[in-house]
Amino acid sequence: MKRIYGFGLALIILLVLSGCGQKVDYTVLEATITTPADEEAVALYKKQCISCHAVDLSGRVGPELLTAGVRLTDEELELVIREGGKGMPSYHKRLSDKEIDGLVQWLSKME
């Protein structure tokens, strides 16, 4: 049993260390900023969304968001963010209405 715990601990340490020192390229995200509101939305995306939707919006666990504005209406974007679904958690208790609206407005520009 100790061997299993030791292996698990070693694996966790290896995974943590493999992520250290890697520089994240925010070029795609920075290119989407055209207003101060966009800047706030990108900061929120980095904090809340990047782990599932990737730094370049290409998707990882969650779907790609590069074409979110074409595929979804503002109302659909808001509903998905607010209520979650298909594996995405609900954010209505984590984000304010203003933050959700900012993300919706920013994502609706993605074409």
PDB file of N, CA and C in Angstrom:
ATOM      1  N   MET A   1       0.812  -1.183   0.000  1.00  0.00           N
ATOM      2  CA  MET A   1       0.000   0.000   0.000  1.00  0.00           C
ATOM      3  C   MET A   1       0.863   1.259   0.000  1.00  0.00           C
ATOM      4  N   LYS A   2       1.967   1.229   0.775  1.00  0.00           N
ATOM      5  CA  LYS A   2       2.877   2.369   0.814  1.00  0.00           C
ATOM      6  C   LYS A   2       3.473   2.630  -0.557  1.00  0.00           C
ATOM      7  N   ARG A   3       3.690   1.578  -1.297  1.00  0.00           N
ATOM      8  CA  ARG A   3       4.271   1.695  -2.636  1.00  0.00           C
ATOM      9  C   ARG A   3       3.322   2.453  -3.566  1.00  0.00           C
ATOM     10  N   ILE A   4       2.031   2.184  -3.443  1.00  0.00           N
ATOM     11  CA  ILE A   4       1.031   2.863  -4.278  1.00  0.00           C
ATOM     12  C   ILE A   4       0.981   4.353  -3.933  1.00  0.00           C
ATOM     13  N   TYR A   5       0.964   4.661  -2.629  1.00  0.00           N
ATOM     14  CA  TYR A   5       0.949   6.064  -2.208  1.00  0.00           C
ATOM     15  C   TYR A   5       2.219   6.783  -2.656  1.00  0.00           C
ATOM     16  N   GLY A   6       3.346   6.116  -2.542  1.00  0.00           N
ATOM     17  CA  GLY A   6       4.615   6.707  -2.974  1.00  0.00           C
ATOM     18  C   GLY A   6       4.623   6.995  -4.459  1.00  0.00           C
ATOM     19  N   PHE A   7       4.097   6.040  -5.238  1.00  0.00           N
ATOM     20  CA  PHE A   7       4.021   6.222  -6.682  1.00  0.00           C
ATOM     21  C   PHE A   7       3.094   7.386  -7.021  1.00  0.00           C
ATOM     22  N   GLY A   8       1.946   7.442  -6.331  1.00  0.00           N
ATOM     23  CA  GLY A   8       0.993   8.528  -6.576  1.00  0.00           C
ATOM     24  C   GLY A   8       1.592   9.883  -6.242  1.00  0.00           C
ATOM     25  N   LEU A   9       2.299   9.960  -5.128  1.00  0.00           N
ATOM     26  CA  LEU A   9       2.940  11.215  -4.735  1.00  0.00           C
ATOM     27  C   LEU A   9       4.007  11.619  -5.747  1.00  0.00           C
ATOM     28  N   ALA A  10       4.794  10.659  -6.191  1.00  0.00           N
ATOM     29  CA  ALA A  10       5.830  10.941  -7.189  1.00  0.00           C
ATOM     30  C   ALA A  10       5.207  11.433  -8.485  1.00  0.00           C
ATOM     31  N   LEU A  11       4.094  10.843  -8.882  1.00  0.00           N
ATOM     32  CA  LEU A  11       3.412  11.253 -10.110  1.00  0.00           C
ATOM     33  C   LEU A  11       2.885  12.687  -9.984  1.00  0.00           C
ATOM     34  N   ILE A  12       2.310  13.012  -8.852  1.00  0.00           N
ATOM     35  CA  ILE A  12       1.798  14.368  -8.625  1.00  0.00           C
ATOM     36  C   ILE A  12       2.941  15.377  -8.672  1.00  0.00           C
ATOM     37  N   ILE A  13       4.034  15.074  -8.023  1.00  0.00           N
ATOM     38  CA  ILE A  13       5.194  15.973  -8.025  1.00  0.00           C
ATOM     39  C   ILE A  13       5.710  16.163  -9.443  1.00  0.00           C
ATOM     40  N   LEU A  14       5.791  15.093 -10.204  1.00  0.00           N
ATOM     41  CA  LEU A  14       6.255  15.173 -11.588  1.00  0.00           C
ATOM     42  C   LEU A  14       5.346  16.060 -12.424  1.00  0.00           C
ATOM     43  N   LEU A  15       4.041  15.905 -12.264  1.00  0.00           N
ATOM     44  CA  LEU A  15       3.099  16.725 -13.022  1.00  0.00           C
ATOM     45  C   LEU A  15       3.196  18.195 -12.649  1.00  0.00           C
ATOM     46  N   VAL A  16       3.336  18.479 -11.375  1.00  0.00           N
ATOM     47  CA  VAL A  16       3.467  19.866 -10.930  1.00  0.00           C
ATOM     48  C   VAL A  16       4.744  20.481 -11.474  1.00  0.00           C
ATOM     49  N   LEU A  17       5.836  19.766 -11.370  1.00  0.00           N
ATOM     50  CA  LEU A  17       7.117  20.293 -11.843  1.00  0.00           C
ATOM     51  C   LEU A  17       7.156  20.453 -13.357  1.00  0.00           C
ATOM     52  N   SER A  18       6.444  19.605 -14.076  1.00  0.00           N
ATOM     53  CA  SER A  18       6.455  19.716 -15.535  1.00  0.00           C
ATOM     54  C   SER A  18       5.777  20.997 -15.998  1.00  0.00           C
ATOM     55  N   GLY A  19       4.878  21.535 -15.183  1.00  0.00           N
ATOM     56  CA  GLY A  19       4.204  22.780 -15.532  1.00  0.00           C
ATOM     57  C   GLY A  19       4.975  24.014 -15.113  1.00  0.00           C
ATOM     58  N   CYS A  20       5.944  23.862 -14.259  1.00  0.00           N
ATOM     59  CA  CYS A  20       6.710  25.011 -13.772  1.00  0.00           C
ATOM     60  C   CYS A  20       7.609  25.569 -14.862  1.00  0.00           C
ATOM     61  N   GLY A  21       7.658  26.866 -14.938  1.00  0.00           N
ATOM     62  CA  GLY A  21       8.572  27.514 -15.865  1.00  0.00           C
ATOM     63  C   GLY A  21       8.061  27.627 -17.291  1.00  0.00           C
ATOM     64  N   GLN A  22       6.911  27.032 -17.579  1.00  0.00           N
ATOM     65  CA  GLN A  22       6.388  27.144 -18.930  1.00  0.00           C
ATOM     66  C   GLN A  22       5.717  28.503 -19.093  1.00  0.00           C
ATOM     67  N   LYS A  23       6.105  29.221 -20.133  1.00  0.00           N
ATOM     68  CA  LYS A  23       5.520  30.529 -20.406  1.00  0.00           C
ATOM     69  C   LYS A  23       4.243  30.334 -21.216  1.00  0.00           C
ATOM     70  N   VAL A  24       3.180  30.972 -20.781  1.00  0.00           N
ATOM     71  CA  VAL A  24       1.899  30.878 -21.470  1.00  0.00           C
ATOM     72  C   VAL A  24       1.812  32.005 -22.486  1.00  0.00           C
ATOM     73  N   ASP A  25       1.442  31.661 -23.713  1.00  0.00           N
ATOM     74  CA  ASP A  25       1.326  32.641 -24.782  1.00  0.00           C
ATOM     75  C   ASP A  25      -0.126  33.122 -24.879  1.00  0.00           C
ATOM     76  N   TYR A  26      -0.347  34.351 -24.463  1.00  0.00           N
ATOM     77  CA  TYR A  26      -1.691  34.936 -24.467  1.00  0.00           C
ATOM     78  C   TYR A  26      -1.976  35.738 -25.738  1.00  0.00           C
ATOM     79  N   THR A  27      -1.215  35.541 -26.789  1.00  0.00           N
ATOM     80  CA  THR A  27      -1.351  36.329 -28.013  1.00  0.00           C
ATOM     81  C   THR A  27      -2.775  36.322 -28.559  1.00  0.00           C
ATOM     82  N   VAL A  28      -3.383  35.152 -28.647  1.00  0.00           N
ATOM     83  CA  VAL A  28      -4.742  35.061 -29.197  1.00  0.00           C
ATOM     84  C   VAL A  28      -5.720  35.835 -28.324  1.00  0.00           C
ATOM     85  N   LEU A  29      -5.606  35.675 -27.027  1.00  0.00           N
ATOM     86  CA  LEU A  29      -6.511  36.397 -26.123  1.00  0.00           C
ATOM     87  C   LEU A  29      -6.294  37.901 -26.213  1.00  0.00           C
ATOM     88  N   GLU A  30      -5.060  38.329 -26.202  1.00  0.00           N
ATOM     89  CA  GLU A  30      -4.754  39.762 -26.252  1.00  0.00           C
ATOM     90  C   GLU A  30      -5.272  40.390 -27.546  1.00  0.00           C
ATOM     91  N   ALA A  31      -5.265  39.626 -28.631  1.00  0.00           N
ATOM     92  CA  ALA A  31      -5.740  40.143 -29.920  1.00  0.00           C
ATOM     93  C   ALA A  31      -7.238  40.397 -29.926  1.00  0.00           C
ATOM     94  N   THR A  32      -7.965  39.817 -28.974  1.00  0.00           N
ATOM     95  CA  THR A  32      -9.421  40.002 -28.931  1.00  0.00           C
ATOM     96  C   THR A  32      -9.824  41.252 -28.155  1.00  0.00           C
ATOM     97  N   ILE A  33      -8.867  41.926 -27.560  1.00  0.00           N
ATOM     98  CA  ILE A  33      -9.177  43.106 -26.735  1.00  0.00           C
ATOM     99  C   ILE A  33      -9.262  44.352 -27.601  1.00  0.00           C
ATOM    100  N   THR A  34     -10.471  44.920 -27.653  1.00  0.00           N
ATOM    101  CA  THR A  34     -10.663  46.160 -28.407  1.00  0.00           C
ATOM    102  C   THR A  34     -11.252  47.272 -27.536  1.00  0.00           C
ATOM    103  N   THR A  35     -11.714  46.907 -26.339  1.00  0.00           N
ATOM    104  CA  THR A  35     -12.315  47.879 -25.421  1.00  0.00           C
ATOM    105  C   THR A  35     -11.876  47.552 -23.989  1.00  0.00           C
ATOM    106  N   PRO A  36     -12.057  48.490 -23.070  1.00  0.00           N
ATOM    107  CA  PRO A  36     -11.775  48.181 -21.666  1.00  0.00           C
ATOM    108  C   PRO A  36     -12.637  47.026 -21.132  1.00  0.00           C
ATOM    109  N   ALA A  37     -13.870  46.922 -21.619  1.00  0.00           N
ATOM    110  CA  ALA A  37     -14.745  45.822 -21.203  1.00  0.00           C
ATOM    111  C   ALA A  37     -14.173  44.479 -21.667  1.00  0.00           C
ATOM    112  N   ASP A  38     -13.589  44.463 -22.870  1.00  0.00           N
ATOM    113  CA  ASP A  38     -12.947  43.247 -23.370  1.00  0.00           C
ATOM    114  C   ASP A  38     -11.775  42.856 -22.474  1.00  0.00           C
ATOM    115  N   GLU A  39     -11.034  43.851 -22.025  1.00  0.00           N
ATOM    116  CA  GLU A  39      -9.891  43.593 -21.155  1.00  0.00           C
ATOM    117  C   GLU A  39     -10.348  42.933 -19.848  1.00  0.00           C
ATOM    118  N   GLU A  40     -11.459  43.393 -19.305  1.00  0.00           N
ATOM    119  CA  GLU A  40     -12.012  42.791 -18.095  1.00  0.00           C
ATOM    120  C   GLU A  40     -12.476  41.364 -18.365  1.00  0.00           C
ATOM    121  N   ALA A  41     -13.115  41.147 -19.518  1.00  0.00           N
ATOM    122  CA  ALA A  41     -13.597  39.805 -19.871  1.00  0.00           C
ATOM    123  C   ALA A  41     -12.428  38.841 -20.063  1.00  0.00           C
ATOM    124  N   VAL A  42     -11.363  39.302 -20.690  1.00  0.00           N
ATOM    125  CA  VAL A  42     -10.190  38.445 -20.899  1.00  0.00           C
ATOM    126  C   VAL A  42      -9.561  38.087 -19.559  1.00  0.00           C
ATOM    127  N   ALA A  43      -9.486  39.038 -18.653  1.00  0.00           N
ATOM    128  CA  ALA A  43      -8.944  38.754 -17.322  1.00  0.00           C
ATOM    129  C   ALA A  43      -9.801  37.704 -16.608  1.00  0.00           C
ATOM    130  N   LEU A  44     -11.098  37.816 -16.748  1.00  0.00           N
ATOM    131  CA  LEU A  44     -12.016  36.856 -16.152  1.00  0.00           C
ATOM    132  C   LEU A  44     -11.878  35.490 -16.826  1.00  0.00           C
ATOM    133  N   TYR A  45     -11.751  35.495 -18.151  1.00  0.00           N
ATOM    134  CA  TYR A  45     -11.536  34.243 -18.897  1.00  0.00           C
ATOM    135  C   TYR A  45     -10.280  33.537 -18.404  1.00  0.00           C
ATOM    136  N   LYS A  46      -9.209  34.300 -18.224  1.00  0.00           N
ATOM    137  CA  LYS A  46      -7.950  33.715 -17.741  1.00  0.00           C
ATOM    138  C   LYS A  46      -8.144  33.074 -16.369  1.00  0.00           C
ATOM    139  N   LYS A  47      -8.949  33.704 -15.542  1.00  0.00           N
ATOM    140  CA  LYS A  47      -9.146  33.224 -14.171  1.00  0.00           C
ATOM    141  C   LYS A  47     -10.118  32.051 -14.089  1.00  0.00           C
ATOM    142  N   GLN A  48     -11.189  32.078 -14.883  1.00  0.00           N
ATOM    143  CA  GLN A  48     -12.276  31.112 -14.725  1.00  0.00           C
ATOM    144  C   GLN A  48     -12.414  30.073 -15.843  1.00  0.00           C
ATOM    145  N   CYS A  49     -11.985  30.387 -17.044  1.00  0.00           N
ATOM    146  CA  CYS A  49     -12.364  29.565 -18.200  1.00  0.00           C
ATOM    147  C   CYS A  49     -11.213  28.843 -18.892  1.00  0.00           C
ATOM    148  N   ILE A  50     -10.020  29.379 -18.741  1.00  0.00           N
ATOM    149  CA  ILE A  50      -8.873  28.927 -19.528  1.00  0.00           C
ATOM    150  C   ILE A  50      -8.541  27.444 -19.338  1.00  0.00           C
ATOM    151  N   SER A  51      -8.783  26.923 -18.142  1.00  0.00           N
ATOM    152  CA  SER A  51      -8.417  25.532 -17.876  1.00  0.00           C
ATOM    153  C   SER A  51      -9.227  24.552 -18.714  1.00  0.00           C
ATOM    154  N   CYS A  52     -10.436  24.893 -19.079  1.00  0.00           N
ATOM    155  CA  CYS A  52     -11.263  24.000 -19.900  1.00  0.00           C
ATOM    156  C   CYS A  52     -11.319  24.401 -21.378  1.00  0.00           C
ATOM    157  N   HIS A  53     -11.167  25.691 -21.653  1.00  0.00           N
ATOM    158  CA  HIS A  53     -11.335  26.160 -23.027  1.00  0.00           C
ATOM    159  C   HIS A  53     -10.026  26.574 -23.693  1.00  0.00           C
ATOM    160  N   ALA A  54      -8.900  26.455 -22.997  1.00  0.00           N
ATOM    161  CA  ALA A  54      -7.546  26.670 -23.510  1.00  0.00           C
ATOM    162  C   ALA A  54      -7.190  28.141 -23.647  1.00  0.00           C
ATOM    163  N   VAL A  55      -5.902  28.399 -23.616  1.00  0.00           N
ATOM    164  CA  VAL A  55      -5.390  29.762 -23.677  1.00  0.00           C
ATOM    165  C   VAL A  55      -5.715  30.430 -25.011  1.00  0.00           C
ATOM    166  N   ASP A  56      -5.842  29.635 -26.070  1.00  0.00           N
ATOM    167  CA  ASP A  56      -6.126  30.189 -27.398  1.00  0.00           C
ATOM    168  C   ASP A  56      -7.584  29.994 -27.816  1.00  0.00           C
ATOM    169  N   LEU A  57      -8.445  29.655 -26.860  1.00  0.00           N
ATOM    170  CA  LEU A  57      -9.878  29.444 -27.078  1.00  0.00           C
ATOM    171  C   LEU A  57     -10.188  28.234 -27.963  1.00  0.00           C
ATOM    172  N   SER A  58      -9.205  27.375 -28.203  1.00  0.00           N
ATOM    173  CA  SER A  58      -9.380  26.238 -29.107  1.00  0.00           C
ATOM    174  C   SER A  58     -10.100  25.067 -28.464  1.00  0.00           C
ATOM    175  N   GLY A  59     -10.310  25.131 -27.166  1.00  0.00           N
ATOM    176  CA  GLY A  59     -10.981  24.044 -26.466  1.00  0.00           C
ATOM    177  C   GLY A  59      -9.990  23.041 -25.926  1.00  0.00           C
ATOM    178  N   ARG A  60     -10.352  22.447 -24.858  1.00  0.00           N
ATOM    179  CA  ARG A  60      -9.541  21.412 -24.230  1.00  0.00           C
ATOM    180  C   ARG A  60     -10.545  20.390 -23.735  1.00  0.00           C
ATOM    181  N   VAL A  61     -10.996  20.525 -22.524  1.00  0.00           N
ATOM    182  CA  VAL A  61     -12.072  19.698 -21.993  1.00  0.00           C
ATOM    183  C   VAL A  61     -13.396  20.243 -22.526  1.00  0.00           C
ATOM    184  N   GLY A  62     -13.505  21.550 -22.514  1.00  0.00           N
ATOM    185  CA  GLY A  62     -14.698  22.216 -23.032  1.00  0.00           C
ATOM    186  C   GLY A  62     -14.542  22.500 -24.520  1.00  0.00           C
ATOM    187  N   PRO A  63     -15.619  22.905 -25.168  1.00  0.00           N
ATOM    188  CA  PRO A  63     -15.565  23.172 -26.611  1.00  0.00           C
ATOM    189  C   PRO A  63     -14.754  24.421 -26.953  1.00  0.00           C
ATOM    190  N   GLU A  64     -14.370  24.529 -28.202  1.00  0.00           N
ATOM    191  CA  GLU A  64     -13.657  25.727 -28.655  1.00  0.00           C
ATOM    192  C   GLU A  64     -14.604  26.918 -28.601  1.00  0.00           C
ATOM    193  N   LEU A  65     -14.027  28.084 -28.377  1.00  0.00           N
ATOM    194  CA  LEU A  65     -14.830  29.302 -28.282  1.00  0.00           C
ATOM    195  C   LEU A  65     -14.473  30.318 -29.352  1.00  0.00           C
ATOM    196  N   LEU A  66     -13.604  29.933 -30.289  1.00  0.00           N
ATOM    197  CA  LEU A  66     -13.185  30.846 -31.355  1.00  0.00           C
ATOM    198  C   LEU A  66     -14.347  31.278 -32.236  1.00  0.00           C
ATOM    199  N   THR A  67     -15.379  30.454 -32.317  1.00  0.00           N
ATOM    200  CA  THR A  67     -16.542  30.776 -33.145  1.00  0.00           C
ATOM    201  C   THR A  67     -17.825  30.847 -32.315  1.00  0.00           C
ATOM    202  N   ALA A  68     -17.683  31.106 -31.040  1.00  0.00           N
ATOM    203  CA  ALA A  68     -18.851  31.127 -30.147  1.00  0.00           C
ATOM    204  C   ALA A  68     -19.902  32.138 -30.596  1.00  0.00           C
ATOM    205  N   GLY A  69     -19.473  33.291 -31.095  1.00  0.00           N
ATOM    206  CA  GLY A  69     -20.408  34.331 -31.525  1.00  0.00           C
ATOM    207  C   GLY A  69     -21.212  33.957 -32.747  1.00  0.00           C
ATOM    208  N   VAL A  70     -20.721  33.036 -33.528  1.00  0.00           N
ATOM    209  CA  VAL A  70     -21.443  32.574 -34.717  1.00  0.00           C
ATOM    210  C   VAL A  70     -22.383  31.425 -34.356  1.00  0.00           C
ATOM    211  N   ARG A  71     -21.933  30.572 -33.469  1.00  0.00           N
ATOM    212  CA  ARG A  71     -22.687  29.371 -33.126  1.00  0.00           C
ATOM    213  C   ARG A  71     -23.802  29.611 -32.108  1.00  0.00           C
ATOM    214  N   LEU A  72     -23.626  30.608 -31.252  1.00  0.00           N
ATOM    215  CA  LEU A  72     -24.580  30.829 -30.167  1.00  0.00           C
ATOM    216  C   LEU A  72     -25.043  32.284 -30.118  1.00  0.00           C
ATOM    217  N   THR A  73     -26.300  32.474 -29.774  1.00  0.00           N
ATOM    218  CA  THR A  73     -26.817  33.831 -29.563  1.00  0.00           C
ATOM    219  C   THR A  73     -26.329  34.328 -28.210  1.00  0.00           C
ATOM    220  N   ASP A  74     -26.487  35.605 -27.959  1.00  0.00           N
ATOM    221  CA  ASP A  74     -26.129  36.160 -26.649  1.00  0.00           C
ATOM    222  C   ASP A  74     -26.903  35.456 -25.527  1.00  0.00           C
ATOM    223  N   GLU A  75     -28.170  35.182 -25.789  1.00  0.00           N
ATOM    224  CA  GLU A  75     -29.005  34.519 -24.788  1.00  0.00           C
ATOM    225  C   GLU A  75     -28.503  33.109 -24.503  1.00  0.00           C
ATOM    226  N   GLU A  76     -28.091  32.400 -25.543  1.00  0.00           N
ATOM    227  CA  GLU A  76     -27.567  31.042 -25.356  1.00  0.00           C
ATOM    228  C   GLU A  76     -26.236  31.060 -24.602  1.00  0.00           C
ATOM    229  N   LEU A  77     -25.374  32.015 -24.962  1.00  0.00           N
ATOM    230  CA  LEU A  77     -24.102  32.147 -24.249  1.00  0.00           C
ATOM    231  C   LEU A  77     -24.343  32.413 -22.766  1.00  0.00           C
ATOM    232  N   GLU A  78     -25.248  33.336 -22.482  1.00  0.00           N
ATOM    233  CA  GLU A  78     -25.551  33.672 -21.093  1.00  0.00           C
ATOM    234  C   GLU A  78     -26.094  32.457 -20.341  1.00  0.00           C
ATOM    235  N   LEU A  79     -26.990  31.718 -20.960  1.00  0.00           N
ATOM    236  CA  LEU A  79     -27.582  30.552 -20.321  1.00  0.00           C
ATOM    237  C   LEU A  79     -26.521  29.493 -19.999  1.00  0.00           C
ATOM    238  N   VAL A  80     -25.618  29.255 -20.933  1.00  0.00           N
ATOM    239  CA  VAL A  80     -24.566  28.261 -20.715  1.00  0.00           C
ATOM    240  C   VAL A  80     -23.649  28.691 -19.573  1.00  0.00           C
ATOM    241  N   ILE A  81     -23.255  29.955 -19.568  1.00  0.00           N
ATOM    242  CA  ILE A  81     -22.379  30.441 -18.502  1.00  0.00           C
ATOM    243  C   ILE A  81     -23.108  30.402 -17.157  1.00  0.00           C
ATOM    244  N   ARG A  82     -24.323  30.879 -17.153  1.00  0.00           N
ATOM    245  CA  ARG A  82     -25.092  30.990 -15.907  1.00  0.00           C
ATOM    246  C   ARG A  82     -25.481  29.619 -15.348  1.00  0.00           C
ATOM    247  N   GLU A  83     -25.997  28.735 -16.203  1.00  0.00           N
ATOM    248  CA  GLU A  83     -26.557  27.463 -15.739  1.00  0.00           C
ATOM    249  C   GLU A  83     -25.649  26.258 -15.973  1.00  0.00           C
ATOM    250  N   GLY A  84     -24.643  26.400 -16.853  1.00  0.00           N
ATOM    251  CA  GLY A  84     -23.770  25.267 -17.161  1.00  0.00           C
ATOM    252  C   GLY A  84     -24.487  24.262 -18.051  1.00  0.00           C
ATOM    253  N   GLY A  85     -23.949  23.060 -18.128  1.00  0.00           N
ATOM    254  CA  GLY A  85     -24.556  22.004 -18.927  1.00  0.00           C
ATOM    255  C   GLY A  85     -23.513  21.265 -19.744  1.00  0.00           C
ATOM    256  N   LYS A  86     -23.806  20.013 -20.049  1.00  0.00           N
ATOM    257  CA  LYS A  86     -22.905  19.159 -20.828  1.00  0.00           C
ATOM    258  C   LYS A  86     -21.497  19.146 -20.237  1.00  0.00           C
ATOM    259  N   GLY A  87     -21.410  19.032 -18.931  1.00  0.00           N
ATOM    260  CA  GLY A  87     -20.121  18.971 -18.258  1.00  0.00           C
ATOM    261  C   GLY A  87     -19.592  20.304 -17.749  1.00  0.00           C
ATOM    262  N   MET A  88     -20.158  21.395 -18.221  1.00  0.00           N
ATOM    263  CA  MET A  88     -19.710  22.706 -17.754  1.00  0.00           C
ATOM    264  C   MET A  88     -20.430  23.057 -16.458  1.00  0.00           C
ATOM    265  N   PRO A  89     -19.684  23.539 -15.462  1.00  0.00           N
ATOM    266  CA  PRO A  89     -20.340  23.927 -14.210  1.00  0.00           C
ATOM    267  C   PRO A  89     -21.119  25.224 -14.358  1.00  0.00           C
ATOM    268  N   SER A  90     -22.053  25.425 -13.471  1.00  0.00           N
ATOM    269  CA  SER A  90     -22.823  26.658 -13.408  1.00  0.00           C
ATOM    270  C   SER A  90     -21.967  27.755 -12.784  1.00  0.00           C
ATOM    271  N   TYR A  91     -22.072  28.964 -13.312  1.00  0.00           N
ATOM    272  CA  TYR A  91     -21.309  30.087 -12.772  1.00  0.00           C
ATOM    273  C   TYR A  91     -22.191  31.173 -12.175  1.00  0.00           C
ATOM    274  N   HIS A  92     -23.487  30.945 -12.044  1.00  0.00           N
ATOM    275  CA  HIS A  92     -24.368  31.998 -11.524  1.00  0.00           C
ATOM    276  C   HIS A  92     -24.075  32.356 -10.075  1.00  0.00           C
ATOM    277  N   LYS A  93     -23.447  31.466  -9.325  1.00  0.00           N
ATOM    278  CA  LYS A  93     -23.084  31.788  -7.940  1.00  0.00           C
ATOM    279  C   LYS A  93     -21.631  32.246  -7.825  1.00  0.00           C
ATOM    280  N   ARG A  94     -20.845  32.029  -8.852  1.00  0.00           N
ATOM    281  CA  ARG A  94     -19.424  32.400  -8.825  1.00  0.00           C
ATOM    282  C   ARG A  94     -19.157  33.764  -9.444  1.00  0.00           C
ATOM    283  N   LEU A  95     -19.999  34.147 -10.396  1.00  0.00           N
ATOM    284  CA  LEU A  95     -19.794  35.401 -11.126  1.00  0.00           C
ATOM    285  C   LEU A  95     -20.993  36.326 -10.930  1.00  0.00           C
ATOM    286  N   SER A  96     -20.731  37.608 -10.952  1.00  0.00           N
ATOM    287  CA  SER A  96     -21.819  38.582 -10.869  1.00  0.00           C
ATOM    288  C   SER A  96     -22.512  38.677 -12.228  1.00  0.00           C
ATOM    289  N   ASP A  97     -23.691  39.283 -12.227  1.00  0.00           N
ATOM    290  CA  ASP A  97     -24.410  39.503 -13.492  1.00  0.00           C
ATOM    291  C   ASP A  97     -23.555  40.334 -14.448  1.00  0.00           C
ATOM    292  N   LYS A  98     -22.856  41.333 -13.909  1.00  0.00           N
ATOM    293  CA  LYS A  98     -22.002  42.193 -14.735  1.00  0.00           C
ATOM    294  C   LYS A  98     -20.863  41.373 -15.368  1.00  0.00           C
ATOM    295  N   GLU A  99     -20.271  40.472 -14.596  1.00  0.00           N
ATOM    296  CA  GLU A  99     -19.187  39.649 -15.134  1.00  0.00           C
ATOM    297  C   GLU A  99     -19.694  38.697 -16.216  1.00  0.00           C
ATOM    298  N   ILE A 100     -20.852  38.099 -15.978  1.00  0.00           N
ATOM    299  CA  ILE A 100     -21.439  37.206 -16.982  1.00  0.00           C
ATOM    300  C   ILE A 100     -21.753  37.979 -18.247  1.00  0.00           C
ATOM    301  N   ASP A 101     -22.346  39.158 -18.104  1.00  0.00           N
ATOM    302  CA  ASP A 101     -22.665  39.991 -19.267  1.00  0.00           C
ATOM    303  C   ASP A 101     -21.397  40.374 -20.021  1.00  0.00           C
ATOM    304  N   GLY A 102     -20.336  40.701 -19.297  1.00  0.00           N
ATOM    305  CA  GLY A 102     -19.073  41.041 -19.950  1.00  0.00           C
ATOM    306  C   GLY A 102     -18.508  39.883 -20.752  1.00  0.00           C
ATOM    307  N   LEU A 103     -18.573  38.685 -20.192  1.00  0.00           N
ATOM    308  CA  LEU A 103     -18.116  37.501 -20.927  1.00  0.00           C
ATOM    309  C   LEU A 103     -18.975  37.260 -22.159  1.00  0.00           C
ATOM    310  N   VAL A 104     -20.283  37.414 -22.008  1.00  0.00           N
ATOM    311  CA  VAL A 104     -21.200  37.215 -23.141  1.00  0.00           C
ATOM    312  C   VAL A 104     -20.875  38.202 -24.262  1.00  0.00           C
ATOM    313  N   GLN A 105     -20.717  39.481 -23.925  1.00  0.00           N
ATOM    314  CA  GLN A 105     -20.428  40.494 -24.939  1.00  0.00           C
ATOM    315  C   GLN A 105     -19.103  40.219 -25.638  1.00  0.00           C
ATOM    316  N   TRP A 106     -18.111  39.796 -24.880  1.00  0.00           N
ATOM    317  CA  TRP A 106     -16.799  39.484 -25.454  1.00  0.00           C
ATOM    318  C   TRP A 106     -16.884  38.239 -26.331  1.00  0.00           C
ATOM    319  N   LEU A 107     -17.509  37.172 -25.833  1.00  0.00           N
ATOM    320  CA  LEU A 107     -17.606  35.940 -26.606  1.00  0.00           C
ATOM    321  C   LEU A 107     -18.462  36.098 -27.860  1.00  0.00           C
ATOM    322  N   SER A 108     -19.451  36.990 -27.800  1.00  0.00           N
ATOM    323  CA  SER A 108     -20.309  37.186 -28.974  1.00  0.00           C
ATOM    324  C   SER A 108     -19.546  37.790 -30.143  1.00  0.00           C
ATOM    325  N   LYS A 109     -18.385  38.351 -29.899  1.00  0.00           N
ATOM    326  CA  LYS A 109     -17.536  38.904 -30.971  1.00  0.00           C
ATOM    327  C   LYS A 109     -16.699  37.829 -31.668  1.00  0.00           C
ATOM    328  N   MET A 110     -16.658  36.637 -31.093  1.00  0.00           N
ATOM    329  CA  MET A 110     -15.820  35.564 -31.648  1.00  0.00           C
ATOM    330  C   MET A 110     -16.471  34.979 -32.882  1.00  0.00           C
ATOM    331  N   GLU A 111     -15.809  35.162 -34.002  1.00  0.00           N
ATOM    332  CA  GLU A 111     -16.345  34.667 -35.282  1.00  0.00           C
ATOM    333  C   GLU A 111     -15.284  33.926 -36.051  1.00  0.00           C
TER     334      GLU A 111
END
